[in-house]
Amino acid sequence: MERRKLHAQGPVFSRIIAGAWRWNLPEAAVNQLIDASLEQGITTFDHADIYGDHSNEVIFGNILRRNPSLRQKMELVTKCGIKFPSAHRPSSWVKHYDTSREHIFWSVENSLKTLATDRIDLLLIHRPDPLLNPEEVAEAFGLLKQSGKVLHFGVSNFTPAQFEMLQSYISFPLVTNQIEISLASHAPLFDGSLDILMKHRVAPMAWSPLGGGKLIADHAAVFSKASKYTATETQMALAWLLKHPAGIFPVIGTTKPERIAESAHAIDINLDVQDWFEMLKIVQGKEMP
């Protein structure tokens, strides 16, 4: 598996990342997914404090507690900033965002505890908060970096303007913006989302890189060249993202070990430029202008 930096001053991650969004599973099943990922060279695991109604980090951390040596073989990403009504968070009565200095500190301490680790490789603000105070966020990030509790920082779902605004307050680089991008959701190719990251030499992370399953169901013709590459539909969809010069890191959300192995081999596919544009043409329903 290829490993690459998100930014010149950022972390080195596996080019394909294992997403733990759906890993609200028995610990034995999650252990299988971790082992399957590491076996394929997928060493980076993407979490958020809210995944699994605040339970997925706990499950993952329980595995690391029983086998601490696993931590040295992986990089951990987590996100903070979203709150919603839950028995685990009784103080919230409405879904809202909290990017205050105090909540960022609290969330990091909680994730360190639940993940059974002494550092987070990458912390992301999960959603752009309309009440985000960039000075507070910058102060929190700076202190967390100084303490060694968080090594790198980024954002998720930010617009280009929101990314540049927050970056202007922070003295070190935000190393990624995790955005929804796939053949089924290809607006970031044209709305400036990828351009602004390339301007800052920042690699994007792609959530839902298979379009939540709708891509294969709704656009079967897009995979007509799969046999040419001896590839599966999943591998073709991932290879399409991997072709982009922004250096996209797809975050796969499967709960099946065999799908992890399948996805990992997408890294070996180098799509012909015309095949890449033909796939785009099919999902757009029109040729390029």
Protein backbone atom coordinates (compact mmCIF):
# COMPACT_ATOMS: atom_id res chain seq x y z
CA MET A 1 0.00 0.00 0.00
CA GLU A 2 1.29 3.43 -0.95
CA ARG A 3 1.98 5.79 1.94
CA ARG A 4 2.04 9.52 1.42
CA LYS A 5 2.07 12.80 3.33
CA LEU A 6 -1.13 14.83 3.52
CA HIS A 7 1.06 17.94 3.52
CA ALA A 8 4.79 18.64 3.55
CA GLN A 9 4.47 19.26 7.31
CA GLY A 10 1.71 16.69 7.79
CA PRO A 11 1.45 13.03 8.72
CA VAL A 12 2.26 10.07 6.51
CA PHE A 13 -0.92 8.02 6.01
CA SER A 14 -1.86 4.95 4.01
CA ARG A 15 -3.34 6.18 0.73
CA ILE A 16 -6.54 4.27 1.45
CA ILE A 17 -7.98 4.85 4.92
CA ALA A 18 -10.26 2.58 6.97
CA GLY A 19 -13.33 4.48 8.15
CA ALA A 20 -14.87 3.39 11.46
CA TRP A 21 -18.23 5.12 10.95
CA ARG A 22 -20.15 1.83 10.78
CA TRP A 23 -17.93 -0.12 13.17
CA ASN A 24 -20.53 -0.26 15.95
CA LEU A 25 -19.99 -4.02 16.02
CA PRO A 26 -18.92 -6.72 18.48
CA GLU A 27 -15.29 -6.28 19.46
CA ALA A 28 -14.28 -9.51 17.73
CA ALA A 29 -15.66 -8.19 14.43
CA VAL A 30 -13.86 -4.86 14.80
CA ASN A 31 -10.65 -6.73 15.66
CA GLN A 32 -11.05 -8.64 12.39
CA LEU A 33 -11.45 -5.39 10.48
CA ILE A 34 -8.34 -3.91 12.10
CA ASP A 35 -6.31 -7.01 11.29
CA ALA A 36 -7.60 -7.13 7.71
CA SER A 37 -6.71 -3.45 7.21
CA LEU A 38 -3.19 -3.77 8.61
CA GLU A 39 -2.61 -6.92 6.55
CA GLN A 40 -3.32 -4.88 3.41
CA GLY A 41 -1.10 -1.99 4.50
CA ILE A 42 -4.07 0.18 5.42
CA THR A 43 -2.65 1.70 8.60
CA THR A 44 -4.81 4.81 9.01
CA PHE A 45 -8.15 4.61 10.85
CA ASP A 46 -10.74 7.38 10.67
CA HIS A 47 -12.99 7.97 13.71
CA ALA A 48 -15.25 10.67 15.14
CA ASP A 49 -16.35 11.14 18.72
CA ILE A 50 -20.01 10.69 17.71
CA TYR A 51 -19.71 7.52 15.61
CA GLY A 52 -21.91 4.67 16.82
CA ASP A 53 -23.71 7.04 19.21
CA HIS A 54 -20.37 7.75 20.91
CA SER A 55 -19.51 4.04 21.10
CA ASN A 56 -17.18 3.23 18.21
CA GLU A 57 -14.10 4.83 19.75
CA VAL A 58 -14.77 2.85 22.94
CA ILE A 59 -14.95 -0.46 21.05
CA PHE A 60 -11.76 0.34 19.12
CA GLY A 61 -9.98 1.44 22.29
CA ASN A 62 -10.89 -1.74 24.13
CA ILE A 63 -9.04 -3.69 21.44
CA LEU A 64 -5.97 -1.47 21.78
CA ARG A 65 -6.02 -1.90 25.56
CA ARG A 66 -5.81 -5.65 25.15
CA ASN A 67 -3.11 -5.39 22.49
CA PRO A 68 -1.20 -2.09 22.97
CA SER A 69 1.42 -2.99 20.35
CA LEU A 70 -1.21 -2.42 17.64
CA ARG A 71 -1.06 1.33 18.31
CA GLN A 72 2.48 1.53 16.95
CA LYS A 73 1.29 0.05 13.65
CA MET A 74 -1.41 2.62 12.94
CA GLU A 75 -2.38 6.28 12.68
CA LEU A 76 -5.57 7.53 14.33
CA VAL A 77 -7.82 10.29 13.00
CA THR A 78 -10.78 11.60 14.95
CA LYS A 79 -13.22 14.49 14.72
CA CYS A 80 -15.00 16.76 17.16
CA GLY A 81 -17.59 19.51 17.18
CA ILE A 82 -20.97 17.82 16.65
CA LYS A 83 -23.40 17.34 19.53
CA PHE A 84 -26.85 15.73 19.44
CA PRO A 85 -29.42 14.37 21.90
CA SER A 86 -28.20 11.05 23.26
CA ALA A 87 -28.32 9.04 26.46
CA HIS A 88 -24.52 9.30 26.37
CA ARG A 89 -24.68 13.11 26.25
CA PRO A 90 -27.78 14.08 28.29
CA SER A 91 -26.92 17.80 28.30
CA SER A 92 -27.78 18.11 24.58
CA TRP A 93 -31.44 18.60 23.67
CA VAL A 94 -30.93 19.71 20.05
CA LYS A 95 -28.37 18.82 17.44
CA HIS A 96 -25.80 21.59 17.32
CA TYR A 97 -22.12 22.34 16.84
CA ASP A 98 -19.58 23.29 19.50
CA THR A 99 -16.11 24.39 18.43
CA SER A 100 -15.34 26.29 21.61
CA ARG A 101 -11.89 26.02 23.17
CA GLU A 102 -13.35 24.17 26.14
CA HIS A 103 -15.19 21.59 24.04
CA ILE A 104 -12.21 20.92 21.78
CA PHE A 105 -10.07 20.27 24.88
CA TRP A 106 -12.76 18.08 26.44
CA SER A 107 -13.31 16.13 23.22
CA VAL A 108 -9.59 15.44 22.78
CA GLU A 109 -9.22 14.21 26.36
CA ASN A 110 -12.27 12.00 25.90
CA SER A 111 -11.00 10.53 22.62
CA LEU A 112 -7.56 9.89 24.11
CA LYS A 113 -9.26 7.97 26.90
CA THR A 114 -11.73 6.04 24.75
CA LEU A 115 -9.15 5.17 22.08
CA ALA A 116 -6.62 4.11 24.72
CA THR A 117 -3.86 6.24 23.23
CA ASP A 118 -1.53 9.02 24.32
CA ARG A 119 -1.82 10.99 21.07
CA ILE A 120 -4.14 11.63 18.17
CA ASP A 121 -2.36 11.76 14.83
CA LEU A 122 -4.95 14.03 13.21
CA LEU A 123 -7.86 15.97 14.73
CA LEU A 124 -10.57 17.41 12.45
CA ILE A 125 -13.34 19.91 13.10
CA HIS A 126 -16.22 17.72 11.93
CA ARG A 127 -18.51 20.37 10.41
CA PRO A 128 -18.23 24.11 9.78
CA ASP A 129 -19.79 25.79 12.81
CA PRO A 130 -21.62 29.08 12.14
CA LEU A 131 -20.53 30.18 15.63
CA LEU A 132 -16.90 29.10 15.14
CA ASN A 133 -14.51 31.60 16.70
CA PRO A 134 -11.26 31.16 14.76
CA GLU A 135 -9.14 32.71 17.51
CA GLU A 136 -10.46 30.17 20.02
CA VAL A 137 -9.92 27.26 17.65
CA ALA A 138 -6.41 28.46 16.82
CA GLU A 139 -5.57 28.78 20.51
CA ALA A 140 -6.92 25.30 21.27
CA PHE A 141 -5.04 23.76 18.35
CA GLY A 142 -1.81 25.48 19.34
CA LEU A 143 -1.95 24.30 22.94
CA LEU A 144 -2.89 20.75 21.96
CA LYS A 145 -0.01 20.62 19.48
CA GLN A 146 2.40 21.99 22.08
CA SER A 147 1.29 19.33 24.56
CA GLY A 148 1.82 16.51 22.06
CA LYS A 149 -1.73 15.25 22.55
CA VAL A 150 -2.60 16.04 18.92
CA LEU A 151 0.09 15.94 16.24
CA HIS A 152 -1.77 17.44 13.27
CA PHE A 153 -5.00 19.32 12.57
CA GLY A 154 -7.51 19.70 9.78
CA VAL A 155 -11.18 20.19 9.00
CA SER A 156 -14.06 18.27 7.45
CA ASN A 157 -16.83 19.46 5.12
CA PHE A 158 -15.47 23.03 4.98
CA THR A 159 -15.98 25.21 1.93
CA PRO A 160 -12.87 26.72 0.31
CA ALA A 161 -13.61 30.10 1.94
CA GLN A 162 -14.11 28.48 5.38
CA PHE A 163 -10.85 26.55 5.01
CA GLU A 164 -8.85 29.64 4.10
CA MET A 165 -10.49 31.72 6.85
CA LEU A 166 -9.52 29.27 9.60
CA GLN A 167 -6.06 28.70 8.14
CA SER A 168 -5.40 32.44 8.27
CA TYR A 169 -5.63 32.31 12.09
CA ILE A 170 -3.35 29.30 12.57
CA SER A 171 0.44 29.50 12.39
CA PHE A 172 0.89 25.90 11.21
CA PRO A 173 -0.85 24.22 8.27
CA LEU A 174 -4.22 22.55 8.35
CA VAL A 175 -3.24 19.31 6.65
CA THR A 176 -6.54 18.19 5.12
CA ASN A 177 -10.21 18.87 4.46
CA GLN A 178 -12.24 15.67 4.56
CA ILE A 179 -15.04 16.16 2.03
CA GLU A 180 -17.66 14.09 0.27
CA ILE A 181 -16.33 13.27 -3.16
CA SER A 182 -16.96 10.36 -5.51
CA LEU A 183 -18.18 9.71 -9.01
CA ALA A 184 -21.67 10.16 -7.56
CA SER A 185 -20.74 13.42 -5.82
CA HIS A 186 -18.26 15.10 -8.12
CA ALA A 187 -19.07 18.78 -7.54
CA PRO A 188 -15.75 19.35 -5.70
CA LEU A 189 -14.01 18.89 -9.05
CA PHE A 190 -15.57 22.14 -10.24
CA ASP A 191 -16.57 24.24 -7.19
CA GLY A 192 -13.06 25.12 -6.01
CA SER A 193 -12.92 22.59 -3.15
CA LEU A 194 -10.01 20.65 -4.65
CA ASP A 195 -8.39 23.72 -6.22
CA ILE A 196 -7.99 25.52 -2.90
CA LEU A 197 -6.42 22.45 -1.31
CA MET A 198 -4.01 22.09 -4.21
CA LYS A 199 -3.16 25.78 -3.82
CA HIS A 200 -2.12 25.07 -0.22
CA ARG A 201 -0.46 21.74 -1.14
CA VAL A 202 -2.98 19.94 1.09
CA ALA A 203 -4.33 16.50 0.20
CA PRO A 204 -8.07 15.95 0.64
CA MET A 205 -9.64 12.96 2.36
CA ALA A 206 -12.78 11.61 0.63
CA TRP A 207 -15.68 10.31 2.67
CA SER A 208 -18.31 8.12 0.98
CA PRO A 209 -15.96 7.47 -1.97
CA LEU A 210 -18.41 4.92 -3.40
CA GLY A 211 -21.36 7.27 -3.17
CA GLY A 212 -23.02 5.32 -0.38
CA GLY A 213 -23.67 2.39 -2.71
CA LYS A 214 -25.87 4.48 -5.02
CA LEU A 215 -23.11 4.83 -7.58
CA ILE A 216 -22.96 1.15 -8.48
CA ALA A 217 -26.74 0.78 -8.33
CA ASP A 218 -27.60 3.85 -10.40
CA HIS A 219 -24.72 4.04 -12.88
CA ALA A 220 -23.79 0.49 -13.87
CA ALA A 221 -22.54 1.70 -17.28
CA VAL A 222 -19.77 3.70 -15.61
CA PHE A 223 -17.97 0.43 -14.91
CA SER A 224 -18.07 -0.92 -18.45
CA LYS A 225 -14.26 -0.79 -18.65
CA ALA A 226 -13.73 -2.83 -15.47
CA SER A 227 -12.74 -5.93 -17.44
CA LYS A 228 -10.07 -3.91 -19.27
CA TYR A 229 -8.35 -3.37 -15.91
CA THR A 230 -9.28 -6.78 -14.43
CA ALA A 231 -10.95 -4.77 -11.69
CA THR A 232 -14.16 -4.75 -9.68
CA GLU A 233 -16.63 -1.89 -9.63
CA THR A 234 -15.39 -0.83 -6.19
CA GLN A 235 -11.80 -0.77 -7.38
CA MET A 236 -12.72 1.28 -10.45
CA ALA A 237 -14.57 3.86 -8.33
CA LEU A 238 -11.61 4.22 -5.99
CA ALA A 239 -9.08 4.29 -8.83
CA TRP A 240 -11.06 7.16 -10.37
CA LEU A 241 -10.47 9.21 -7.21
CA LEU A 242 -6.86 8.12 -6.85
CA LYS A 243 -6.13 9.42 -10.38
CA HIS A 244 -6.77 13.04 -9.41
CA PRO A 245 -3.61 15.17 -8.98
CA ALA A 246 -4.88 16.51 -5.64
CA GLY A 247 -3.73 13.20 -4.14
CA ILE A 248 -7.09 12.19 -2.67
CA PHE A 249 -7.11 9.75 0.27
CA PRO A 250 -10.36 7.70 0.04
CA VAL A 251 -11.92 6.71 3.38
CA ILE A 252 -13.63 3.35 2.88
CA GLY A 253 -16.50 2.52 5.24
CA THR A 254 -16.93 -1.21 4.76
CA THR A 255 -17.62 -3.64 7.60
CA LYS A 256 -16.42 -6.68 5.65
CA PRO A 257 -12.78 -7.84 5.74
CA GLU A 258 -12.95 -9.11 2.17
CA ARG A 259 -14.06 -5.68 0.94
CA ILE A 260 -11.06 -4.12 2.68
CA ALA A 261 -8.76 -6.44 0.70
CA GLU A 262 -10.66 -5.66 -2.50
CA SER A 263 -10.42 -1.90 -1.95
CA ALA A 264 -6.71 -2.01 -1.17
CA HIS A 265 -5.92 -3.30 -4.66
CA ALA A 266 -7.44 -0.18 -6.24
CA ILE A 267 -4.09 1.48 -5.60
CA ASP A 268 -2.57 -0.68 -8.37
CA ILE A 269 -4.94 0.60 -11.08
CA ASN A 270 -3.87 3.52 -13.27
CA LEU A 271 -6.85 4.63 -15.31
CA ASP A 272 -6.33 5.88 -18.83
CA VAL A 273 -7.21 9.57 -19.07
CA GLN A 274 -9.96 8.93 -21.61
CA ASP A 275 -11.47 6.18 -19.46
CA TRP A 276 -11.46 8.62 -16.52
CA PHE A 277 -13.35 11.23 -18.56
CA GLU A 278 -15.72 8.63 -19.98
CA MET A 279 -16.69 7.60 -16.44
CA LEU A 280 -17.30 11.26 -15.58
CA LYS A 281 -19.35 11.72 -18.75
CA ILE A 282 -21.67 8.86 -17.77
CA VAL A 283 -22.43 10.23 -14.28
CA GLN A 284 -22.78 13.79 -15.58
CA GLY A 285 -25.02 12.70 -18.43
CA LYS A 286 -23.13 14.92 -20.85
CA GLU A 287 -19.74 15.44 -22.43
CA MET A 288 -17.27 17.99 -21.22
CA PRO A 289 -17.98 21.46 -22.69
